[in-house]
Amino acid sequence: MTKIKELREIAPEDLKTKEKALKKELFELKYQRKIGRAEKPHRFRLIRRDIAKIMTVTNERAKNAK
């Protein structure tokens, strides 16, 4: 799990890349759950939270840029 302070130090391009990777991982976990083979169900919650943190930092930067 990534902390907000660490995310604020990352470049915007890297944040987008990290968000895409997390969304892909979440998609794969959802697929595994549908099949019935989700080995790490606790990861759903962690990934969703990390995506939300990244989106929060992105929105903060957008507001400050105005």
Protein backbone atom coordinates (compact mmCIF):
# COMPACT_ATOMS: atom_id res chain seq x y z
CA MET A 1 0.00 0.00 0.00
CA THR A 2 1.37 3.34 -1.04
CA LYS A 3 1.24 6.41 1.14
CA ILE A 4 -0.10 9.77 -0.06
CA LYS A 5 3.19 11.54 0.74
CA GLU A 6 5.04 9.17 -1.57
CA LEU A 7 2.51 9.66 -4.36
CA ARG A 8 2.79 13.45 -4.18
CA GLU A 9 6.50 13.17 -4.96
CA ILE A 10 5.96 11.10 -8.12
CA ALA A 11 5.77 12.74 -11.55
CA PRO A 12 2.30 12.96 -13.17
CA GLU A 13 3.29 10.64 -16.03
CA ASP A 14 4.45 7.99 -13.58
CA LEU A 15 1.21 8.32 -11.64
CA LYS A 16 -0.80 7.64 -14.79
CA THR A 17 1.34 4.61 -15.55
CA LYS A 18 0.93 3.29 -12.02
CA GLU A 19 -2.84 3.86 -12.14
CA LYS A 20 -3.12 1.92 -15.41
CA ALA A 21 -1.10 -0.95 -13.97
CA LEU A 22 -3.28 -1.10 -10.85
CA LYS A 23 -6.47 -1.04 -12.92
CA LYS A 24 -5.14 -3.89 -15.05
CA GLU A 25 -4.28 -5.89 -11.94
CA LEU A 26 -7.75 -5.24 -10.51
CA PHE A 27 -9.32 -6.42 -13.77
CA GLU A 28 -7.29 -9.63 -13.66
CA LEU A 29 -8.28 -10.24 -10.03
CA LYS A 30 -11.94 -9.74 -10.90
CA TYR A 31 -11.55 -12.23 -13.73
CA GLN A 32 -9.95 -14.77 -11.38
CA ARG A 33 -12.79 -14.27 -8.91
CA LYS A 34 -15.36 -14.99 -11.62
CA ILE A 35 -13.57 -18.22 -12.43
CA GLY A 36 -13.32 -19.02 -8.74
CA ARG A 37 -9.57 -18.89 -8.43
CA ALA A 38 -8.90 -15.61 -6.60
CA GLU A 39 -5.87 -16.49 -4.50
CA LYS A 40 -5.48 -13.12 -2.79
CA PRO A 41 -8.90 -11.63 -2.12
CA HIS A 42 -7.47 -9.00 0.24
CA ARG A 43 -5.74 -7.37 -2.76
CA PHE A 44 -9.08 -6.04 -4.09
CA ARG A 45 -9.38 -3.59 -1.23
CA LEU A 46 -5.73 -2.52 -1.34
CA ILE A 47 -5.73 -1.92 -5.07
CA ARG A 48 -8.96 0.08 -4.98
CA ARG A 49 -7.54 2.25 -2.20
CA ASP A 50 -4.29 2.86 -4.08
CA ILE A 51 -6.24 3.87 -7.20
CA ALA A 52 -8.32 6.28 -5.11
CA LYS A 53 -5.16 7.81 -3.62
CA ILE A 54 -3.65 8.31 -7.06
CA MET A 55 -6.85 9.94 -8.30
CA THR A 56 -6.89 12.22 -5.25
CA VAL A 57 -3.34 13.41 -5.90
CA THR A 58 -4.12 13.93 -9.60
CA ASN A 59 -7.21 16.00 -8.78
CA GLU A 60 -5.29 18.08 -6.23
CA ARG A 61 -2.68 18.89 -8.85
CA ALA A 62 -5.37 19.84 -11.36
CA LYS A 63 -6.99 22.21 -8.85
CA ASN A 64 -3.66 23.81 -7.93
CA ALA A 65 -2.76 24.29 -11.60
CA LYS A 66 -5.81 26.50 -12.15
